[in-house]
Each structure stands twice: as C-alpha cells, then as structure tokens.
Protein backbone atom coordinates (compact mmCIF):
# COMPACT_ATOMS: atom_id res chain seq x y z
CA MET A 1 -18.62 -0.10 -23.07
CA SER A 2 -17.40 0.51 -19.46
CA GLY A 3 -13.85 0.24 -21.05
CA LEU A 4 -14.70 3.07 -23.38
CA VAL A 5 -16.13 5.27 -20.48
CA GLU A 6 -12.94 4.46 -18.30
CA ASN A 7 -10.42 5.46 -21.23
CA LEU A 8 -12.30 8.55 -21.90
CA GLY A 9 -12.30 9.50 -18.03
CA LEU A 10 -8.68 8.87 -17.74
CA ARG A 11 -8.01 11.12 -20.67
CA ALA A 12 -10.14 13.75 -19.32
CA LEU A 13 -8.51 13.53 -15.90
CA HIS A 14 -4.91 13.82 -17.62
CA LEU A 15 -5.89 17.20 -18.92
CA LEU A 16 -5.97 18.48 -15.17
CA GLN A 17 -3.28 19.09 -12.83
CA PRO A 18 -2.37 15.82 -10.95
CA GLU A 19 -3.90 16.62 -7.49
CA THR A 20 -6.88 18.00 -8.89
CA ALA A 21 -7.64 15.03 -11.06
CA HIS A 22 -6.78 12.73 -7.96
CA ASP A 23 -9.45 14.70 -5.87
CA LEU A 24 -11.83 14.49 -8.80
CA SER A 25 -11.48 10.64 -8.83
CA ILE A 26 -12.13 10.50 -5.21
CA ARG A 27 -15.37 12.41 -5.77
CA ALA A 28 -16.42 10.40 -8.62
CA LEU A 29 -16.04 7.15 -6.76
CA GLU A 30 -18.01 8.87 -3.67
CA THR A 31 -21.03 9.71 -6.21
CA GLY A 32 -20.95 6.13 -8.30
CA LEU A 33 -19.65 7.70 -11.43
CA VAL A 34 -17.11 5.20 -11.95
CA PRO A 35 -17.46 1.92 -13.58
CA LEU A 36 -16.51 -0.96 -11.18
CA ALA A 37 -16.17 -4.56 -11.17
CA GLY A 38 -18.81 -4.88 -8.52
CA GLY A 39 -16.79 -6.78 -6.14
CA PRO A 40 -13.45 -8.96 -6.09
CA PHE A 41 -13.09 -11.81 -8.73
CA THR A 42 -12.19 -15.00 -6.81
CA SER A 43 -11.58 -18.57 -7.19
CA ASP A 44 -10.31 -21.72 -5.13
CA ARG A 45 -6.78 -20.69 -6.67
CA LEU A 46 -6.85 -17.27 -5.54
CA ARG A 47 -8.52 -17.20 -2.06
CA LEU A 48 -6.05 -16.81 0.65
CA THR A 49 -5.60 -16.13 4.45
CA LEU A 50 -3.29 -13.21 5.15
CA ALA A 51 -2.37 -12.58 8.81
CA GLY A 52 -5.80 -14.13 9.78
CA LEU A 53 -7.71 -12.06 7.17
CA ARG A 54 -9.45 -13.84 4.48
CA LEU A 55 -9.14 -12.40 1.05
CA ASP A 56 -11.03 -13.53 -2.05
CA ASN A 57 -8.04 -12.61 -4.22
CA PRO A 58 -4.44 -11.10 -3.43
CA VAL A 59 -4.81 -7.82 -5.21
CA GLY A 60 -5.03 -4.85 -2.74
CA LEU A 61 -5.05 -1.31 -3.06
CA ALA A 62 -2.06 0.44 -1.69
CA ALA A 63 -2.36 3.42 1.09
CA GLY A 64 -2.11 6.82 -0.30
CA TYR A 65 -5.02 7.01 -2.66
CA ASP A 66 -7.83 7.37 -0.45
CA LYS A 67 -6.13 9.23 2.47
CA ASN A 68 -9.34 10.10 4.40
CA ALA A 69 -11.40 7.05 3.65
CA ARG A 70 -13.87 8.97 1.70
CA ALA A 71 -14.55 6.61 -1.01
CA LEU A 72 -14.68 3.07 0.64
CA PRO A 73 -18.17 1.94 -0.59
CA GLY A 74 -16.70 2.41 -4.30
CA LEU A 75 -13.37 1.12 -3.49
CA MET A 76 -14.69 -2.06 -1.99
CA LYS A 77 -16.45 -2.83 -5.22
CA ALA A 78 -13.67 -2.02 -7.55
CA GLY A 79 -12.30 -5.71 -7.68
CA PHE A 80 -9.60 -5.41 -4.98
CA GLY A 81 -9.25 -8.26 -2.43
CA PHE A 82 -8.39 -5.71 0.11
CA VAL A 83 -8.01 -2.07 0.48
CA GLU A 84 -5.81 0.33 2.71
CA VAL A 85 -6.68 3.75 3.61
CA GLY A 86 -4.51 6.55 5.02
CA ALA A 87 -2.07 7.46 6.21
CA ALA A 88 -3.71 8.79 9.28
CA THR A 89 -1.97 11.01 12.09
CA PRO A 90 -3.23 11.80 15.49
CA ARG A 91 -4.12 15.48 14.38
CA PRO A 92 -5.39 16.76 11.03
CA GLN A 93 -2.50 18.44 9.03
CA PRO A 94 -2.48 20.01 5.58
CA GLY A 95 0.71 18.34 4.32
CA ASN A 96 3.27 20.05 2.30
CA PRO A 97 2.88 22.94 0.00
CA LYS A 98 1.62 22.57 -3.62
CA PRO A 99 2.32 21.31 -6.21
CA ARG A 100 3.27 18.13 -4.62
CA LEU A 101 2.27 15.44 -7.12
CA PHE A 102 3.80 14.98 -10.33
CA ARG A 103 2.58 12.74 -13.21
CA LEU A 104 5.58 11.13 -15.27
CA THR A 105 3.58 9.94 -18.33
CA GLU A 106 6.43 8.77 -20.35
CA ASP A 107 7.88 6.75 -17.24
CA ARG A 108 4.44 5.40 -16.26
CA ALA A 109 5.25 6.71 -12.77
CA ILE A 110 4.42 9.68 -10.22
CA ILE A 111 6.51 11.61 -7.82
CA ASN A 112 4.70 12.76 -4.61
CA ARG A 113 5.77 14.79 -1.59
CA PHE A 114 2.15 15.01 0.04
CA GLY A 115 3.45 14.82 3.59
CA PHE A 116 0.73 12.94 5.32
CA ASN A 117 -2.01 15.36 4.44
CA ASN A 118 -5.24 14.06 6.12
CA GLU A 119 -8.12 15.05 8.34
CA GLY A 120 -6.82 13.31 11.35
CA ALA A 121 -7.43 9.88 12.91
CA GLU A 122 -10.84 10.76 14.64
CA VAL A 123 -12.50 11.68 11.36
CA ILE A 124 -11.04 8.69 9.49
CA ALA A 125 -12.06 6.17 12.12
CA GLN A 126 -15.64 7.52 12.05
CA ARG A 127 -15.39 6.75 8.26
CA LEU A 128 -14.04 3.44 8.51
CA ALA A 129 -16.67 2.51 11.20
CA LYS A 130 -19.46 3.40 8.74
CA ARG A 131 -18.37 1.45 5.74
CA PRO A 132 -20.34 -1.53 4.15
CA ALA A 133 -19.73 -5.07 5.00
CA GLY A 134 -17.31 -6.72 2.58
CA ILE A 135 -13.42 -6.84 1.83
CA PRO A 136 -10.98 -6.20 4.68
CA VAL A 137 -10.07 -2.67 5.01
CA GLY A 138 -6.84 -1.55 6.75
CA LEU A 139 -5.57 1.69 8.03
CA ASN A 140 -1.96 3.10 7.18
CA ILE A 141 -0.77 5.15 10.48
CA GLY A 142 1.87 7.90 10.70
CA ALA A 143 3.03 10.74 12.73
CA ASN A 144 2.42 14.40 12.72
CA LYS A 145 5.04 16.58 10.97
CA ASP A 146 5.56 18.87 14.15
CA SER A 147 5.28 16.09 16.69
CA ALA A 148 7.71 16.24 19.48
CA ASP A 149 7.49 12.38 19.72
CA LYS A 150 6.81 10.94 16.35
CA SER A 151 7.05 7.35 17.80
CA ALA A 152 4.29 8.03 20.36
CA ASP A 153 2.00 9.22 17.57
CA PHE A 154 1.60 5.82 15.94
CA ALA A 155 0.26 4.38 19.24
CA ALA A 156 -2.17 7.14 19.64
CA VAL A 157 -3.51 6.45 16.13
CA VAL A 158 -4.13 2.89 16.94
CA ARG A 159 -5.87 3.95 20.13
CA MET A 160 -7.99 6.56 18.14
CA ALA A 161 -8.76 4.39 15.05
CA GLY A 162 -7.69 0.82 15.45
CA ALA A 163 -10.76 -0.49 16.51
CA ALA A 164 -12.50 0.46 13.09
CA ALA A 165 -9.83 -1.26 10.81
CA ASP A 166 -9.34 -4.82 9.82
CA PHE A 167 -5.44 -4.29 9.84
CA LEU A 168 -3.00 -1.53 10.74
CA THR A 169 0.15 -0.70 8.75
CA VAL A 170 3.02 1.35 10.60
CA ASN A 171 4.44 3.55 7.99
CA VAL A 172 7.89 4.68 8.94
CA SER A 173 9.01 4.52 5.24
CA SER A 174 7.33 7.65 3.88
CA PRO A 175 10.28 9.99 2.43
CA ASN A 176 7.91 13.03 3.17
CA THR A 177 7.97 13.68 6.53
CA GLU A 178 11.22 14.81 8.08
CA LYS A 179 13.10 12.14 10.17
CA LEU A 180 10.40 9.50 9.73
CA ARG A 181 12.63 7.02 8.01
CA ASP A 182 14.97 7.32 10.95
CA LEU A 183 12.40 5.13 12.87
CA GLN A 184 13.42 2.25 10.67
CA GLY A 185 16.53 1.84 12.92
CA SER A 186 16.54 -1.14 14.94
CA GLU A 187 16.33 0.44 18.31
CA ALA A 188 14.01 3.29 17.38
CA LEU A 189 11.64 0.54 15.59
CA ALA A 190 11.54 -1.71 18.45
CA ALA A 191 10.51 0.95 20.82
CA LEU A 192 7.88 2.26 18.54
CA LEU A 193 6.52 -1.04 17.93
CA ASP A 194 6.26 -1.81 21.60
CA GLY A 195 3.95 1.01 21.83
CA VAL A 196 1.98 0.08 18.83
CA ILE A 197 1.47 -3.68 19.68
CA ALA A 198 0.44 -2.78 23.41
CA ALA A 199 -2.16 -0.39 22.05
CA ARG A 200 -3.46 -2.93 19.59
CA ASN A 201 -3.55 -5.61 22.23
CA ALA A 202 -5.96 -3.37 24.21
CA LEU A 203 -8.52 -3.19 21.24
CA PRO A 204 -11.57 -5.60 21.24
CA ASN A 205 -10.73 -6.55 17.58
CA ARG A 206 -6.96 -6.86 18.08
CA PRO A 207 -6.19 -6.10 14.24
CA PRO A 208 -2.96 -7.49 12.57
CA VAL A 209 -0.19 -5.12 12.55
CA PHE A 210 2.07 -4.73 9.36
CA VAL A 211 5.26 -2.70 9.05
CA LYS A 212 5.93 -0.89 5.65
CA ILE A 213 9.51 -0.39 4.64
CA ALA A 214 11.53 1.71 2.24
CA PRO A 215 13.19 0.17 -0.92
CA ASP A 216 16.25 2.27 -0.13
CA LEU A 217 17.51 0.15 2.69
CA ASP A 218 20.87 -1.90 2.56
CA ASP A 219 21.21 -5.67 3.48
CA ALA A 220 22.22 -4.76 7.01
CA ALA A 221 19.13 -2.76 7.60
CA LEU A 222 16.75 -5.15 6.27
CA ALA A 223 18.44 -7.75 8.50
CA ASP A 224 17.78 -5.63 11.50
CA ILE A 225 14.04 -4.80 10.42
CA ALA A 226 13.24 -8.45 9.98
CA ALA A 227 14.88 -9.18 13.48
CA VAL A 228 12.75 -6.30 15.06
CA ALA A 229 9.71 -7.39 13.32
CA LEU A 230 10.02 -11.11 14.49
CA ALA A 231 10.76 -10.11 17.92
CA ALA A 232 7.90 -7.60 18.39
CA PRO A 233 6.10 -9.37 17.00
CA VAL A 234 4.20 -7.97 14.20
CA ASP A 235 1.81 -9.78 11.80
CA GLY A 236 3.70 -9.03 8.59
CA LEU A 237 5.48 -6.70 6.39
CA ILE A 238 4.94 -4.49 3.31
CA ALA A 239 7.63 -4.12 0.71
CA THR A 240 8.10 -1.35 -0.53
CA ASN A 241 7.23 2.36 -0.15
CA THR A 242 8.39 5.02 -2.68
CA THR A 243 11.97 5.64 -3.44
CA LEU A 244 14.26 8.45 -3.29
CA THR A 245 16.47 7.34 -6.15
CA ARG A 246 15.56 8.58 -9.69
CA ASP A 247 16.88 5.53 -11.58
CA GLY A 248 14.85 4.90 -14.79
CA ILE A 249 13.10 8.27 -15.28
CA GLN A 250 13.46 11.17 -17.83
CA PRO A 251 16.26 13.63 -16.64
CA ARG A 252 13.89 16.58 -16.48
CA HIS A 253 11.76 15.05 -13.70
CA ALA A 254 14.80 13.96 -11.66
CA GLY A 255 15.09 17.27 -9.62
CA GLU A 256 11.43 17.00 -8.09
CA ALA A 257 11.75 16.23 -4.39
CA GLY A 258 9.57 13.27 -2.91
CA GLY A 259 8.86 9.85 -3.59
CA LEU A 260 8.87 7.98 -6.87
CA SER A 261 6.46 5.08 -7.47
CA GLY A 262 5.28 3.45 -10.46
CA GLU A 263 6.99 1.16 -13.25
CA PRO A 264 10.59 2.43 -12.62
CA LEU A 265 10.36 1.16 -8.96
CA PHE A 266 9.40 -2.58 -9.98
CA ARG A 267 12.59 -4.25 -10.30
CA LYS A 268 14.28 -2.27 -7.22
CA SER A 269 11.36 -3.20 -4.89
CA THR A 270 11.05 -6.55 -6.03
CA HIS A 271 14.76 -7.20 -5.30
CA VAL A 272 14.33 -5.77 -1.62
CA LEU A 273 10.97 -7.89 -1.24
CA ALA A 274 12.89 -11.09 -2.06
CA LYS A 275 15.89 -10.30 0.12
CA LEU A 276 13.39 -9.60 3.06
CA CYS A 277 11.64 -12.82 2.50
CA ARG A 278 15.08 -14.59 2.86
CA GLN A 279 15.74 -12.82 5.95
CA ILE A 280 12.27 -13.75 7.58
CA ASP A 281 12.31 -17.29 6.32
CA GLY A 282 8.64 -17.82 5.76
CA LYS A 283 7.95 -16.64 9.54
CA LEU A 284 5.89 -13.80 8.38
CA PRO A 285 3.64 -12.82 5.31
CA VAL A 286 4.90 -9.95 3.19
CA ILE A 287 2.80 -7.84 0.81
CA GLY A 288 4.65 -6.97 -2.24
CA VAL A 289 3.98 -3.56 -3.69
CA GLY A 290 5.86 -1.23 -6.01
CA GLY A 291 5.58 -0.61 -9.73
CA ILE A 292 2.86 -3.44 -10.41
CA GLY A 293 0.95 -2.59 -13.47
CA SER A 294 0.17 -6.11 -14.89
CA ALA A 295 -0.62 -9.73 -14.14
CA GLU A 296 3.06 -10.60 -15.28
CA GLN A 297 4.47 -8.08 -12.58
CA ALA A 298 2.08 -9.34 -9.85
CA TRP A 299 3.15 -12.74 -10.76
CA GLN A 300 6.76 -11.98 -10.25
CA LYS A 301 6.16 -10.14 -6.97
CA ILE A 302 4.33 -13.41 -5.61
CA ARG A 303 7.29 -15.49 -7.19
CA ALA A 304 9.74 -13.20 -4.96
CA GLY A 305 7.88 -14.15 -1.91
CA ALA A 306 4.75 -11.98 -1.58
CA THR A 307 1.72 -13.46 -0.09
CA ALA A 308 -0.43 -10.63 -1.44
CA ILE A 309 0.25 -7.58 -3.48
CA GLN A 310 -0.99 -3.93 -3.69
CA ILE A 311 -1.33 -1.38 -6.57
CA TYR A 312 -1.83 2.26 -6.74
CA SER A 313 0.49 4.52 -9.37
CA ALA A 314 -0.58 2.08 -12.30
CA LEU A 315 -4.32 2.89 -11.61
CA ILE A 316 -3.56 6.52 -12.66
CA TYR A 317 -2.74 5.29 -16.28
CA GLN A 318 -4.93 2.28 -16.53
CA GLY A 319 -7.96 2.68 -14.25
CA PHE A 320 -9.80 0.92 -11.71
CA SER A 321 -10.40 -2.01 -14.04
CA LEU A 322 -6.84 -2.90 -13.61
CA ALA A 323 -7.56 -4.75 -10.17
CA ASP A 324 -10.15 -7.15 -11.65
CA ARG A 325 -7.89 -7.63 -14.85
CA ILE A 326 -4.94 -8.62 -12.76
CA ALA A 327 -6.85 -11.09 -10.42
CA ARG A 328 -8.58 -12.90 -13.37
CA GLN A 329 -5.25 -13.08 -15.39
CA LEU A 330 -3.54 -14.47 -12.49
CA ASP A 331 -6.24 -17.14 -12.14
CA GLU A 332 -5.91 -18.05 -15.61
CA ARG A 333 -2.18 -18.43 -15.38
CA LEU A 334 -2.40 -20.42 -12.38
CA ALA A 335 -5.00 -22.71 -14.02
CA ARG A 336 -2.72 -23.06 -16.92
CA ALA A 337 0.20 -24.00 -14.74
CA GLY A 338 -1.80 -26.45 -12.56
CA MET A 339 -0.86 -24.28 -9.39
CA THR A 340 -2.32 -22.58 -6.31
CA LEU A 341 -1.32 -19.29 -5.26
CA GLN A 342 0.48 -20.62 -2.40
CA ASP A 343 2.44 -22.98 -4.64
CA LEU A 344 3.62 -19.73 -6.53
CA THR A 345 4.51 -17.80 -3.41
CA GLY A 346 8.18 -17.83 -3.15
CA SER A 347 8.94 -20.09 -5.88
CA GLY A 348 11.08 -17.63 -7.73
CA ILE A 349 12.70 -15.96 -4.53
CA SER A 350 16.35 -17.01 -5.74
CA ASP A 351 15.95 -15.42 -8.98
CA TRP A 352 15.16 -12.13 -7.41
CA SER A 353 17.19 -12.06 -4.34
C-alpha cells in the first residue's frame, strides 16, 4: 500500500513545476504525510565507521534537498544511514532568479542553478540543534554570492553552525556561485581549509570535515586536491558535485545553465571517484555521489573506492523508499557474495580508474 501511495504522490508532484514540487515535498515531510521506512535498515555487513561517524548503513542523502534543515525528523526516518543538509552561507540569500530547477524526465536527471538559496547559518544551526536523536546529520557549507572574501565565509559558517552538526562539508564545487570553483585550486583551497580546520578545532564537538569536489577536474587538478586534503588535514572527500557538461542528455535541455545531476552523471563521477581514490591511496575515506539510482550503481560506486554513498536526484523519480531499497539489496548481494562492505570497498578501482 505504501508503494502505491508513493507512486501516486510522485505522479502528482510531477504535474507541478519542479521547484514547486520540491518545496511541497519538504512540507509533506514536515507534516508526516510521506510514507517512510521508519529508520535505517542495518546488518553486520552494512554497519561502518566513516571518519569516526558510526553508520547503520552506507546510504546517505546528499546536500541540496533540504537546504534549510526543515524536514530533519522525517528524513532521519527515511532509511538513510546519514543525512546532509544545506548548503548554508553566513547570511541568508535568495539564490538565483527562477526558474532554476529543471526536470529532465527522459534522462532521469535534473539541472539546477539554485545558487545557494538558504535562510542563513544561524537559522539552520537552530534547527540542527533541535533535531531528534538518531543518525548522523551533516551540514554543507558555502559562501555568499556577494561576499568580498568567499574563503572567509566558510570558516564563518563553521563558527556559527558547526557545533550543531555531526560533520561538515566544504562545498567549493557548486557551479552556481560565481568564482566558487576557483577555490579548488591548490593554493586557494589550502588557505580556505586552514581557516575551516582552525574554526572546527575550536568547537567542542570537533566534527569531521569533508571536501566536496567537482566532476569536471582533470588528473592534475585531482592530484592537487588530494595533496591539499591530506596536508590540511581533512577527514574525507566527497566525489562528486554536479557537472557543467551535457553529455548523455536530450539536446533540447542542453542549453539550460546550471549543474547537471542524475543518471547521465554516473559514469563520469565514478571515474573521477576512482581516480581520486588512487591519488589518496586509502589515507582518507571518500563518499561517492553522482547518478546513483539503484543498488547496482551503489555497488559499483563502492567497488570504485567509496566508503559510503549519497543519493538525491533519483529520489525525484523513485521516491524516498529508494534509500531503504538500496540498503536492503546491498545487504542481500553482500550476503550472497560472502562479503562485507569493507571487502567491497575499492575492489574494482582498477575497472573504473
């Protein structure tokens, strides 16, 4: 019955403009109208430790869905092993003009150019602090569009909201804030991370810090980021954010500006993941994200080196039951293979790199 309700809900949402549907789904989660798994499915094969965080399963929610941490009680019962909210900036900002979210149904993808629309780090921190106990919840942090010192904004968000989060993600890879991706250069990133790590170290909880990278980096840039991350030191990496390329989508959508995510990103992001994992040589965990819509794709991300994975775009087409379904099917496949999650991680890195 819950599957029928979910399918009917998805059909209804797809009759609406994409951003309207997105906002309505957040309100439905807030009010308890979405059928949910009740908590993360787990087993001895699925449990893991990620940068000191204990996870019941490796399936996380990527940042960008619940930008303002409004729906955390519901999301924490949706079957995810961990959840990431945001991105948060020091000051509230409206983001880019609408329309800024485009549903590419035939491609099982979306294009967004939101531009870090959010209510600001102070409001988001208050919501994080009030969330129920349960799975780890992290905060994606960014910079205000009109900031004169974007690098300093990241440390400011850490000081304002870091104590309320279980982990922090430095987002220097969104394509929708001008000059943000420039911060992925080795010197700029090293300076930015110095400020973030110093701010984190002053917090009572000292949450782990991840860096989220773009899928559009060449091998030299990946090597630079790996070296900077290891020297900082950060606690992990997330590969990858959305892409500016338009490979694999219908030509009529190719002219929309913004970041492309979903099915067409899977192969590209998984290649980048595997190359990054080779660069860091097991010294840091990496979360794999980009185009995951099935247990098979989650399996391949983990084979390519991911310690855990995150999903987002596929939820638009398959609903929140997807997280629980992927976790259960991963567990079944591991059981059949006589493997643990740790056995699987990186076992196919040469196939993907």
